[in-house]
């Protein structure tokens, strides 16, 4: 991508992947926790 007058424009597609159903997490929300770095954990 590149930015032109504050708008982000797609220039070239470089990677594509079909998302498998086994990668899906339903019935959860991410919760923010603070460790050494801010971290998300599903609840």
ModelCIF file with pLDDT and N, C-alpha, C, O atoms, coordinates in Angstrom:
data_MODEL
#
_entry.id   MODEL 
#
_entity.id                         1 
_entity.type                       polymer 
_entity.pdbx_number_of_molecules   1 
#
_entity_poly.entity_id                      1 
_entity_poly.type                           'polypeptide(L)' 
_entity_poly.nstd_linkage                   no 
_entity_poly.nstd_monomer                   no 
_entity_poly.pdbx_seq_one_letter_code       
;(UNK)(UNK)(UNK)(UNK)(UNK)(UNK)(UNK)(UNK)(UNK)(UNK)(UNK)(UNK)(UNK)(UNK)(UNK)(UNK)
(UNK)(UNK)(UNK)(UNK)(UNK)(UNK)(UNK)(UNK)(UNK)(UNK)(UNK)(UNK)(UNK)(UNK)(UNK)(UNK)
(UNK)(UNK)(UNK)(UNK)(UNK)(UNK)(UNK)(UNK)(UNK)(UNK)(UNK)
;
_entity_poly.pdbx_seq_one_letter_code_can   XXXXXXXXXXXXXXXXXXXXXXXXXXXXXXXXXXXXXXXXXXX 
_entity_poly.pdbx_strand_id                 A 
#
loop_
_entity_poly_seq.entity_id 
_entity_poly_seq.num 
_entity_poly_seq.mon_id 
_entity_poly_seq.hetero 
1 1  UNK n 
1 2  UNK n 
1 3  UNK n 
1 4  UNK n 
1 5  UNK n 
1 6  UNK n 
1 7  UNK n 
1 8  UNK n 
1 9  UNK n 
1 10 UNK n 
1 11 UNK n 
1 12 UNK n 
1 13 UNK n 
1 14 UNK n 
1 15 UNK n 
1 16 UNK n 
1 17 UNK n 
1 18 UNK n 
1 19 UNK n 
1 20 UNK n 
1 21 UNK n 
1 22 UNK n 
1 23 UNK n 
1 24 UNK n 
1 25 UNK n 
1 26 UNK n 
1 27 UNK n 
1 28 UNK n 
1 29 UNK n 
1 30 UNK n 
1 31 UNK n 
1 32 UNK n 
1 33 UNK n 
1 34 UNK n 
1 35 UNK n 
1 36 UNK n 
1 37 UNK n 
1 38 UNK n 
1 39 UNK n 
1 40 UNK n 
1 41 UNK n 
1 42 UNK n 
1 43 UNK n 
#
_struct_asym.id          A 
_struct_asym.entity_id   1 
#
loop_
_ma_qa_metric.id 
_ma_qa_metric.mode 
_ma_qa_metric.name 
_ma_qa_metric.software_group_id 
_ma_qa_metric.type 
1 global pLDDT . pLDDT 
2 local  pLDDT . pLDDT 
#
_ma_qa_metric_global.metric_id      1 
_ma_qa_metric_global.metric_value   89.16 
_ma_qa_metric_global.model_id       1 
_ma_qa_metric_global.ordinal_id     1 
#
loop_
_ma_qa_metric_local.label_asym_id 
_ma_qa_metric_local.label_comp_id 
_ma_qa_metric_local.label_seq_id 
_ma_qa_metric_local.metric_id 
_ma_qa_metric_local.metric_value 
_ma_qa_metric_local.model_id 
_ma_qa_metric_local.ordinal_id 
A UNK 1  2 88.00 1 1  
A UNK 2  2 81.00 1 2  
A UNK 3  2 77.00 1 3  
A UNK 4  2 72.00 1 4  
A UNK 5  2 66.00 1 5  
A UNK 6  2 68.00 1 6  
A UNK 7  2 73.00 1 7  
A UNK 8  2 75.00 1 8  
A UNK 9  2 77.00 1 9  
A UNK 10 2 79.00 1 10 
A UNK 11 2 80.00 1 11 
A UNK 12 2 88.00 1 12 
A UNK 13 2 93.00 1 13 
A UNK 14 2 93.00 1 14 
A UNK 15 2 96.00 1 15 
A UNK 16 2 96.00 1 16 
A UNK 17 2 96.00 1 17 
A UNK 18 2 97.00 1 18 
A UNK 19 2 96.00 1 19 
A UNK 20 2 94.00 1 20 
A UNK 21 2 92.00 1 21 
A UNK 22 2 93.00 1 22 
A UNK 23 2 94.00 1 23 
A UNK 24 2 96.00 1 24 
A UNK 25 2 96.00 1 25 
A UNK 26 2 95.00 1 26 
A UNK 27 2 94.00 1 27 
A UNK 28 2 95.00 1 28 
A UNK 29 2 95.00 1 29 
A UNK 30 2 96.00 1 30 
A UNK 31 2 96.00 1 31 
A UNK 32 2 96.00 1 32 
A UNK 33 2 92.00 1 33 
A UNK 34 2 84.00 1 34 
A UNK 35 2 82.00 1 35 
A UNK 36 2 86.00 1 36 
A UNK 37 2 92.00 1 37 
A UNK 38 2 95.00 1 38 
A UNK 39 2 96.00 1 39 
A UNK 40 2 97.00 1 40 
A UNK 41 2 96.00 1 41 
A UNK 42 2 96.00 1 42 
A UNK 43 2 95.00 1 43 
#
loop_
_atom_site.group_PDB 
_atom_site.id 
_atom_site.type_symbol 
_atom_site.label_atom_id 
_atom_site.label_alt_id 
_atom_site.label_comp_id 
_atom_site.label_asym_id 
_atom_site.label_entity_id 
_atom_site.label_seq_id 
_atom_site.pdbx_PDB_ins_code 
_atom_site.Cartn_x 
_atom_site.Cartn_y 
_atom_site.Cartn_z 
_atom_site.occupancy 
_atom_site.B_iso_or_equiv 
_atom_site.pdbx_formal_charge 
_atom_site.auth_seq_id 
_atom_site.auth_comp_id 
_atom_site.auth_asym_id 
_atom_site.auth_atom_id 
_atom_site.pdbx_PDB_model_num 
ATOM 1   N N  . UNK A 1 1  ? 0.831   -1.210  0.000  1.00 88.00 ? 1  UNK A N  1 
ATOM 2   C CA . UNK A 1 1  ? 0.000   0.000   0.000  1.00 88.00 ? 1  UNK A CA 1 
ATOM 3   C C  . UNK A 1 1  ? 0.859   1.250   0.000  1.00 88.00 ? 1  UNK A C  1 
ATOM 4   O O  . UNK A 1 1  ? 2.056   1.212   0.283  1.00 88.00 ? 1  UNK A O  1 
ATOM 5   N N  . UNK A 1 2  ? 0.216   2.352   -0.324 1.00 81.00 ? 2  UNK A N  1 
ATOM 6   C CA . UNK A 1 2  ? 0.859   3.665   -0.192 1.00 81.00 ? 2  UNK A CA 1 
ATOM 7   C C  . UNK A 1 2  ? -0.207  4.679   0.207  1.00 81.00 ? 2  UNK A C  1 
ATOM 8   O O  . UNK A 1 2  ? -1.397  4.479   -0.033 1.00 81.00 ? 2  UNK A O  1 
ATOM 9   N N  . UNK A 1 3  ? 0.239   5.758   0.813  1.00 77.00 ? 3  UNK A N  1 
ATOM 10  C CA . UNK A 1 3  ? -0.675  6.783   1.303  1.00 77.00 ? 3  UNK A CA 1 
ATOM 11  C C  . UNK A 1 3  ? -0.657  7.987   0.372  1.00 77.00 ? 3  UNK A C  1 
ATOM 12  O O  . UNK A 1 3  ? 0.403   8.537   0.072  1.00 77.00 ? 3  UNK A O  1 
ATOM 13  N N  . UNK A 1 4  ? -1.830  8.388   -0.077 1.00 72.00 ? 4  UNK A N  1 
ATOM 14  C CA . UNK A 1 4  ? -1.979  9.550   -0.950 1.00 72.00 ? 4  UNK A CA 1 
ATOM 15  C C  . UNK A 1 4  ? -3.054  10.443  -0.351 1.00 72.00 ? 4  UNK A C  1 
ATOM 16  O O  . UNK A 1 4  ? -4.220  10.061  -0.256 1.00 72.00 ? 4  UNK A O  1 
ATOM 17  N N  . UNK A 1 5  ? -2.637  11.647  0.051  1.00 66.00 ? 5  UNK A N  1 
ATOM 18  C CA . UNK A 1 5  ? -3.570  12.622  0.625  1.00 66.00 ? 5  UNK A CA 1 
ATOM 19  C C  . UNK A 1 5  ? -4.406  12.005  1.746  1.00 66.00 ? 5  UNK A C  1 
ATOM 20  O O  . UNK A 1 5  ? -5.631  12.118  1.770  1.00 66.00 ? 5  UNK A O  1 
ATOM 21  N N  . UNK A 1 6  ? -3.708  11.355  2.667  1.00 68.00 ? 6  UNK A N  1 
ATOM 22  C CA . UNK A 1 6  ? -4.296  10.763  3.870  1.00 68.00 ? 6  UNK A CA 1 
ATOM 23  C C  . UNK A 1 6  ? -5.135  9.516   3.597  1.00 68.00 ? 6  UNK A C  1 
ATOM 24  O O  . UNK A 1 6  ? -5.688  8.930   4.528  1.00 68.00 ? 6  UNK A O  1 
ATOM 25  N N  . UNK A 1 7  ? -5.235  9.106   2.345  1.00 73.00 ? 7  UNK A N  1 
ATOM 26  C CA . UNK A 1 7  ? -5.952  7.883   2.015  1.00 73.00 ? 7  UNK A CA 1 
ATOM 27  C C  . UNK A 1 7  ? -4.945  6.776   1.718  1.00 73.00 ? 7  UNK A C  1 
ATOM 28  O O  . UNK A 1 7  ? -3.926  7.012   1.069  1.00 73.00 ? 7  UNK A O  1 
ATOM 29  N N  . UNK A 1 8  ? -5.235  5.577   2.193  1.00 75.00 ? 8  UNK A N  1 
ATOM 30  C CA . UNK A 1 8  ? -4.381  4.438   1.933  1.00 75.00 ? 8  UNK A CA 1 
ATOM 31  C C  . UNK A 1 8  ? -4.873  3.706   0.700  1.00 75.00 ? 8  UNK A C  1 
ATOM 32  O O  . UNK A 1 8  ? -6.031  3.292   0.632  1.00 75.00 ? 8  UNK A O  1 
ATOM 33  N N  . UNK A 1 9  ? -3.991  3.547   -0.272 1.00 77.00 ? 9  UNK A N  1 
ATOM 34  C CA . UNK A 1 9  ? -4.346  2.938   -1.552 1.00 77.00 ? 9  UNK A CA 1 
ATOM 35  C C  . UNK A 1 9  ? -3.624  1.604   -1.702 1.00 77.00 ? 9  UNK A C  1 
ATOM 36  O O  . UNK A 1 9  ? -2.420  1.515   -1.463 1.00 77.00 ? 9  UNK A O  1 
ATOM 37  N N  . UNK A 1 10 ? -4.359  0.570   -2.097 1.00 79.00 ? 10 UNK A N  1 
ATOM 38  C CA . UNK A 1 10 ? -3.751  -0.727  -2.368 1.00 79.00 ? 10 UNK A CA 1 
ATOM 39  C C  . UNK A 1 10 ? -3.001  -0.661  -3.690 1.00 79.00 ? 10 UNK A C  1 
ATOM 40  O O  . UNK A 1 10 ? -3.524  -0.167  -4.689 1.00 79.00 ? 10 UNK A O  1 
ATOM 41  N N  . UNK A 1 11 ? -1.776  -1.161  -3.687 1.00 80.00 ? 11 UNK A N  1 
ATOM 42  C CA . UNK A 1 11 ? -0.943  -1.105  -4.878 1.00 80.00 ? 11 UNK A CA 1 
ATOM 43  C C  . UNK A 1 11 ? -0.808  -2.477  -5.531 1.00 80.00 ? 11 UNK A C  1 
ATOM 44  O O  . UNK A 1 11 ? -0.909  -2.601  -6.751 1.00 80.00 ? 11 UNK A O  1 
ATOM 45  N N  . UNK A 1 12 ? -0.581  -3.502  -4.720 1.00 88.00 ? 12 UNK A N  1 
ATOM 46  C CA . UNK A 1 12 ? -0.268  -4.822  -5.268 1.00 88.00 ? 12 UNK A CA 1 
ATOM 47  C C  . UNK A 1 12 ? -0.615  -5.894  -4.238 1.00 88.00 ? 12 UNK A C  1 
ATOM 48  O O  . UNK A 1 12 ? -0.260  -5.766  -3.067 1.00 88.00 ? 12 UNK A O  1 
ATOM 49  N N  . UNK A 1 13 ? -1.300  -6.939  -4.662 1.00 93.00 ? 13 UNK A N  1 
ATOM 50  C CA . UNK A 1 13 ? -1.602  -8.057  -3.776 1.00 93.00 ? 13 UNK A CA 1 
ATOM 51  C C  . UNK A 1 13 ? -0.373  -8.957  -3.679 1.00 93.00 ? 13 UNK A C  1 
ATOM 52  O O  . UNK A 1 13 ? 0.178   -9.367  -4.700 1.00 93.00 ? 13 UNK A O  1 
ATOM 53  N N  . UNK A 1 14 ? 0.058   -9.264  -2.458 1.00 93.00 ? 14 UNK A N  1 
ATOM 54  C CA . UNK A 1 14 ? 1.288   -10.051 -2.297 1.00 93.00 ? 14 UNK A CA 1 
ATOM 55  C C  . UNK A 1 14 ? 1.067   -11.350 -1.527 1.00 93.00 ? 14 UNK A C  1 
ATOM 56  O O  . UNK A 1 14 ? 1.944   -12.213 -1.516 1.00 93.00 ? 14 UNK A O  1 
ATOM 57  N N  . UNK A 1 15 ? -0.097  -11.501 -0.881 1.00 96.00 ? 15 UNK A N  1 
ATOM 58  C CA . UNK A 1 15 ? -0.316  -12.731 -0.111 1.00 96.00 ? 15 UNK A CA 1 
ATOM 59  C C  . UNK A 1 15 ? -1.810  -12.947 0.055  1.00 96.00 ? 15 UNK A C  1 
ATOM 60  O O  . UNK A 1 15 ? -2.564  -12.005 0.300  1.00 96.00 ? 15 UNK A O  1 
ATOM 61  N N  . UNK A 1 16 ? -2.237  -14.224 -0.085 1.00 96.00 ? 16 UNK A N  1 
ATOM 62  C CA . UNK A 1 16 ? -3.635  -14.562 0.087  1.00 96.00 ? 16 UNK A CA 1 
ATOM 63  C C  . UNK A 1 16 ? -3.743  -15.952 0.696  1.00 96.00 ? 16 UNK A C  1 
ATOM 64  O O  . UNK A 1 16 ? -2.944  -16.837 0.390  1.00 96.00 ? 16 UNK A O  1 
ATOM 65  N N  . UNK A 1 17 ? -4.734  -16.138 1.558  1.00 96.00 ? 17 UNK A N  1 
ATOM 66  C CA . UNK A 1 17 ? -4.899  -17.429 2.237  1.00 96.00 ? 17 UNK A CA 1 
ATOM 67  C C  . UNK A 1 17 ? -6.360  -17.607 2.620  1.00 96.00 ? 17 UNK A C  1 
ATOM 68  O O  . UNK A 1 17 ? -6.980  -16.695 3.166  1.00 96.00 ? 17 UNK A O  1 
ATOM 69  N N  . UNK A 1 18 ? -6.909  -18.782 2.332  1.00 97.00 ? 18 UNK A N  1 
ATOM 70  C CA . UNK A 1 18 ? -8.259  -19.111 2.768  1.00 97.00 ? 18 UNK A CA 1 
ATOM 71  C C  . UNK A 1 18 ? -8.238  -19.451 4.249  1.00 97.00 ? 18 UNK A C  1 
ATOM 72  O O  . UNK A 1 18 ? -7.377  -20.203 4.705  1.00 97.00 ? 18 UNK A O  1 
ATOM 73  N N  . UNK A 1 19 ? -9.181  -18.900 4.999  1.00 96.00 ? 19 UNK A N  1 
ATOM 74  C CA . UNK A 1 19 ? -9.244  -19.118 6.452  1.00 96.00 ? 19 UNK A CA 1 
ATOM 75  C C  . UNK A 1 19 ? -10.036 -20.391 6.725  1.00 96.00 ? 19 UNK A C  1 
ATOM 76  O O  . UNK A 1 19 ? -11.182 -20.517 6.295  1.00 96.00 ? 19 UNK A O  1 
ATOM 77  N N  . UNK A 1 20 ? -9.430  -21.329 7.435  1.00 94.00 ? 20 UNK A N  1 
ATOM 78  C CA . UNK A 1 20 ? -10.087 -22.586 7.757  1.00 94.00 ? 20 UNK A CA 1 
ATOM 79  C C  . UNK A 1 20 ? -11.017 -22.460 8.950  1.00 94.00 ? 20 UNK A C  1 
ATOM 80  O O  . UNK A 1 20 ? -10.795 -21.631 9.833  1.00 94.00 ? 20 UNK A O  1 
ATOM 81  N N  . UNK A 1 21 ? -12.041 -23.270 8.977  1.00 92.00 ? 21 UNK A N  1 
ATOM 82  C CA . UNK A 1 21 ? -13.011 -23.218 10.085 1.00 92.00 ? 21 UNK A CA 1 
ATOM 83  C C  . UNK A 1 21 ? -12.357 -23.557 11.415 1.00 92.00 ? 21 UNK A C  1 
ATOM 84  O O  . UNK A 1 21 ? -12.817 -23.107 12.464 1.00 92.00 ? 21 UNK A O  1 
ATOM 85  N N  . UNK A 1 22 ? -11.271 -24.359 11.381 1.00 93.00 ? 22 UNK A N  1 
ATOM 86  C CA . UNK A 1 22 ? -10.591 -24.728 12.626 1.00 93.00 ? 22 UNK A CA 1 
ATOM 87  C C  . UNK A 1 22 ? -9.845  -23.546 13.243 1.00 93.00 ? 22 UNK A C  1 
ATOM 88  O O  . UNK A 1 22 ? -9.427  -23.616 14.399 1.00 93.00 ? 22 UNK A O  1 
ATOM 89  N N  . UNK A 1 23 ? -9.675  -22.469 12.490 1.00 94.00 ? 23 UNK A N  1 
ATOM 90  C CA . UNK A 1 23 ? -8.986  -21.294 13.016 1.00 94.00 ? 23 UNK A CA 1 
ATOM 91  C C  . UNK A 1 23 ? -9.939  -20.338 13.726 1.00 94.00 ? 23 UNK A C  1 
ATOM 92  O O  . UNK A 1 23 ? -9.496  -19.385 14.366 1.00 94.00 ? 23 UNK A O  1 
ATOM 93  N N  . UNK A 1 24 ? -11.237 -20.583 13.619 1.00 96.00 ? 24 UNK A N  1 
ATOM 94  C CA . UNK A 1 24 ? -12.250 -19.679 14.147 1.00 96.00 ? 24 UNK A CA 1 
ATOM 95  C C  . UNK A 1 24 ? -12.468 -19.918 15.646 1.00 96.00 ? 24 UNK A C  1 
ATOM 96  O O  . UNK A 1 24 ? -12.536 -21.061 16.096 1.00 96.00 ? 24 UNK A O  1 
ATOM 97  N N  . UNK A 1 25 ? -12.575 -18.834 16.406 1.00 96.00 ? 25 UNK A N  1 
ATOM 98  C CA . UNK A 1 25 ? -12.912 -18.894 17.835 1.00 96.00 ? 25 UNK A CA 1 
ATOM 99  C C  . UNK A 1 25 ? -14.215 -18.134 18.042 1.00 96.00 ? 25 UNK A C  1 
ATOM 100 O O  . UNK A 1 25 ? -14.266 -16.922 17.831 1.00 96.00 ? 25 UNK A O  1 
ATOM 101 N N  . UNK A 1 26 ? -15.272 -18.838 18.455 1.00 95.00 ? 26 UNK A N  1 
ATOM 102 C CA . UNK A 1 26 ? -16.591 -18.218 18.655 1.00 95.00 ? 26 UNK A CA 1 
ATOM 103 C C  . UNK A 1 26 ? -16.957 -18.241 20.136 1.00 95.00 ? 26 UNK A C  1 
ATOM 104 O O  . UNK A 1 26 ? -16.453 -19.050 20.914 1.00 95.00 ? 26 UNK A O  1 
ATOM 105 N N  . UNK A 1 27 ? -17.861 -17.312 20.497 1.00 94.00 ? 27 UNK A N  1 
ATOM 106 C CA . UNK A 1 27 ? -18.307 -17.242 21.879 1.00 94.00 ? 27 UNK A CA 1 
ATOM 107 C C  . UNK A 1 27 ? -17.234 -16.758 22.831 1.00 94.00 ? 27 UNK A C  1 
ATOM 108 O O  . UNK A 1 27 ? -17.190 -17.167 23.991 1.00 94.00 ? 27 UNK A O  1 
ATOM 109 N N  . UNK A 1 28 ? -16.356 -15.873 22.329 1.00 95.00 ? 28 UNK A N  1 
ATOM 110 C CA . UNK A 1 28 ? -15.276 -15.330 23.156 1.00 95.00 ? 28 UNK A CA 1 
ATOM 111 C C  . UNK A 1 28 ? -15.141 -13.837 22.895 1.00 95.00 ? 28 UNK A C  1 
ATOM 112 O O  . UNK A 1 28 ? -15.574 -13.331 21.860 1.00 95.00 ? 28 UNK A O  1 
ATOM 113 N N  . UNK A 1 29 ? -14.537 -13.145 23.846 1.00 95.00 ? 29 UNK A N  1 
ATOM 114 C CA . UNK A 1 29 ? -14.134 -11.753 23.647 1.00 95.00 ? 29 UNK A CA 1 
ATOM 115 C C  . UNK A 1 29 ? -12.708 -11.594 24.169 1.00 95.00 ? 29 UNK A C  1 
ATOM 116 O O  . UNK A 1 29 ? -12.338 -12.246 25.146 1.00 95.00 ? 29 UNK A O  1 
ATOM 117 N N  . UNK A 1 30 ? -11.900 -10.739 23.537 1.00 96.00 ? 30 UNK A N  1 
ATOM 118 C CA . UNK A 1 30 ? -10.547 -10.507 24.036 1.00 96.00 ? 30 UNK A CA 1 
ATOM 119 C C  . UNK A 1 30 ? -10.552 -9.520  25.204 1.00 96.00 ? 30 UNK A C  1 
ATOM 120 O O  . UNK A 1 30 ? -11.229 -8.493  25.167 1.00 96.00 ? 30 UNK A O  1 
ATOM 121 N N  . UNK A 1 31 ? -9.787  -9.855  26.233 1.00 96.00 ? 31 UNK A N  1 
ATOM 122 C CA . UNK A 1 31 ? -9.672  -9.011  27.420 1.00 96.00 ? 31 UNK A CA 1 
ATOM 123 C C  . UNK A 1 31 ? -8.231  -8.524  27.519 1.00 96.00 ? 31 UNK A C  1 
ATOM 124 O O  . UNK A 1 31 ? -7.293  -9.303  27.348 1.00 96.00 ? 31 UNK A O  1 
ATOM 125 N N  . UNK A 1 32 ? -8.058  -7.232  27.796 1.00 96.00 ? 32 UNK A N  1 
ATOM 126 C CA . UNK A 1 32 ? -6.720  -6.649  27.889 1.00 96.00 ? 32 UNK A CA 1 
ATOM 127 C C  . UNK A 1 32 ? -6.131  -6.880  29.265 1.00 96.00 ? 32 UNK A C  1 
ATOM 128 O O  . UNK A 1 32 ? -6.768  -6.596  30.279 1.00 96.00 ? 32 UNK A O  1 
ATOM 129 N N  . UNK A 1 33 ? -4.904  -7.398  29.297 1.00 92.00 ? 33 UNK A N  1 
ATOM 130 C CA . UNK A 1 33 ? -4.168  -7.589  30.535 1.00 92.00 ? 33 UNK A CA 1 
ATOM 131 C C  . UNK A 1 33 ? -2.807  -6.928  30.394 1.00 92.00 ? 33 UNK A C  1 
ATOM 132 O O  . UNK A 1 33 ? -2.297  -6.777  29.284 1.00 92.00 ? 33 UNK A O  1 
ATOM 133 N N  . UNK A 1 34 ? -2.218  -6.535  31.519 1.00 84.00 ? 34 UNK A N  1 
ATOM 134 C CA . UNK A 1 34 ? -0.932  -5.852  31.488 1.00 84.00 ? 34 UNK A CA 1 
ATOM 135 C C  . UNK A 1 34 ? 0.137   -6.729  32.124 1.00 84.00 ? 34 UNK A C  1 
ATOM 136 O O  . UNK A 1 34 ? 0.062   -7.055  33.309 1.00 84.00 ? 34 UNK A O  1 
ATOM 137 N N  . UNK A 1 35 ? 1.140   -7.113  31.321 1.00 82.00 ? 35 UNK A N  1 
ATOM 138 C CA . UNK A 1 35 ? 2.331   -7.772  31.820 1.00 82.00 ? 35 UNK A CA 1 
ATOM 139 C C  . UNK A 1 35 ? 3.508   -6.884  31.495 1.00 82.00 ? 35 UNK A C  1 
ATOM 140 O O  . UNK A 1 35 ? 3.455   -5.669  31.691 1.00 82.00 ? 35 UNK A O  1 
ATOM 141 N N  . UNK A 1 36 ? 4.566   -7.486  31.001 1.00 86.00 ? 36 UNK A N  1 
ATOM 142 C CA . UNK A 1 36 ? 5.668   -6.663  30.497 1.00 86.00 ? 36 UNK A CA 1 
ATOM 143 C C  . UNK A 1 36 ? 5.183   -5.835  29.314 1.00 86.00 ? 36 UNK A C  1 
ATOM 144 O O  . UNK A 1 36 ? 5.581   -4.683  29.139 1.00 86.00 ? 36 UNK A O  1 
ATOM 145 N N  . UNK A 1 37 ? 4.317   -6.442  28.508 1.00 92.00 ? 37 UNK A N  1 
ATOM 146 C CA . UNK A 1 37 ? 3.668   -5.750  27.394 1.00 92.00 ? 37 UNK A CA 1 
ATOM 147 C C  . UNK A 1 37 ? 2.165   -5.945  27.510 1.00 92.00 ? 37 UNK A C  1 
ATOM 148 O O  . UNK A 1 37 ? 1.726   -6.953  28.065 1.00 92.00 ? 37 UNK A O  1 
ATOM 149 N N  . UNK A 1 38 ? 1.351   -5.004  26.999 1.00 95.00 ? 38 UNK A N  1 
ATOM 150 C CA . UNK A 1 38 ? -0.098  -5.226  26.967 1.00 95.00 ? 38 UNK A CA 1 
ATOM 151 C C  . UNK A 1 38 ? -0.429  -6.498  26.192 1.00 95.00 ? 38 UNK A C  1 
ATOM 152 O O  . UNK A 1 38 ? 0.129   -6.758  25.126 1.00 95.00 ? 38 UNK A O  1 
ATOM 153 N N  . UNK A 1 39 ? -1.347  -7.283  26.752 1.00 96.00 ? 39 UNK A N  1 
ATOM 154 C CA . UNK A 1 39 ? -1.627  -8.612  26.224 1.00 96.00 ? 39 UNK A CA 1 
ATOM 155 C C  . UNK A 1 39 ? -3.129  -8.857  26.173 1.00 96.00 ? 39 UNK A C  1 
ATOM 156 O O  . UNK A 1 39 ? -3.867  -8.423  27.058 1.00 96.00 ? 39 UNK A O  1 
ATOM 157 N N  . UNK A 1 40 ? -3.577  -9.551  25.136 1.00 97.00 ? 40 UNK A N  1 
ATOM 158 C CA . UNK A 1 40 ? -4.975  -9.958  25.037 1.00 97.00 ? 40 UNK A CA 1 
ATOM 159 C C  . UNK A 1 40 ? -5.111  -11.433 25.382 1.00 97.00 ? 40 UNK A C  1 
ATOM 160 O O  . UNK A 1 40 ? -4.241  -12.243 25.063 1.00 97.00 ? 40 UNK A O  1 
ATOM 161 N N  . UNK A 1 41 ? -6.211  -11.766 26.035 1.00 96.00 ? 41 UNK A N  1 
ATOM 162 C CA . UNK A 1 41 ? -6.525  -13.162 26.350 1.00 96.00 ? 41 UNK A CA 1 
ATOM 163 C C  . UNK A 1 41 ? -8.022  -13.363 26.146 1.00 96.00 ? 41 UNK A C  1 
ATOM 164 O O  . UNK A 1 41 ? -8.827  -12.534 26.570 1.00 96.00 ? 41 UNK A O  1 
ATOM 165 N N  . UNK A 1 42 ? -8.393  -14.459 25.500 1.00 96.00 ? 42 UNK A N  1 
ATOM 166 C CA . UNK A 1 42 ? -9.805  -14.736 25.257 1.00 96.00 ? 42 UNK A CA 1 
ATOM 167 C C  . UNK A 1 42 ? -10.524 -15.096 26.563 1.00 96.00 ? 42 UNK A C  1 
ATOM 168 O O  . UNK A 1 42 ? -9.997  -15.788 27.433 1.00 96.00 ? 42 UNK A O  1 
ATOM 169 N N  . UNK A 1 43 ? -11.761 -14.584 26.647 1.00 95.00 ? 43 UNK A N  1 
ATOM 170 C CA . UNK A 1 43 ? -12.648 -14.918 27.763 1.00 95.00 ? 43 UNK A CA 1 
ATOM 171 C C  . UNK A 1 43 ? -13.965 -15.421 27.171 1.00 95.00 ? 43 UNK A C  1 
ATOM 172 O O  . UNK A 1 43 ? -14.883 -15.768 27.914 1.00 95.00 ? 43 UNK A O  1 
#
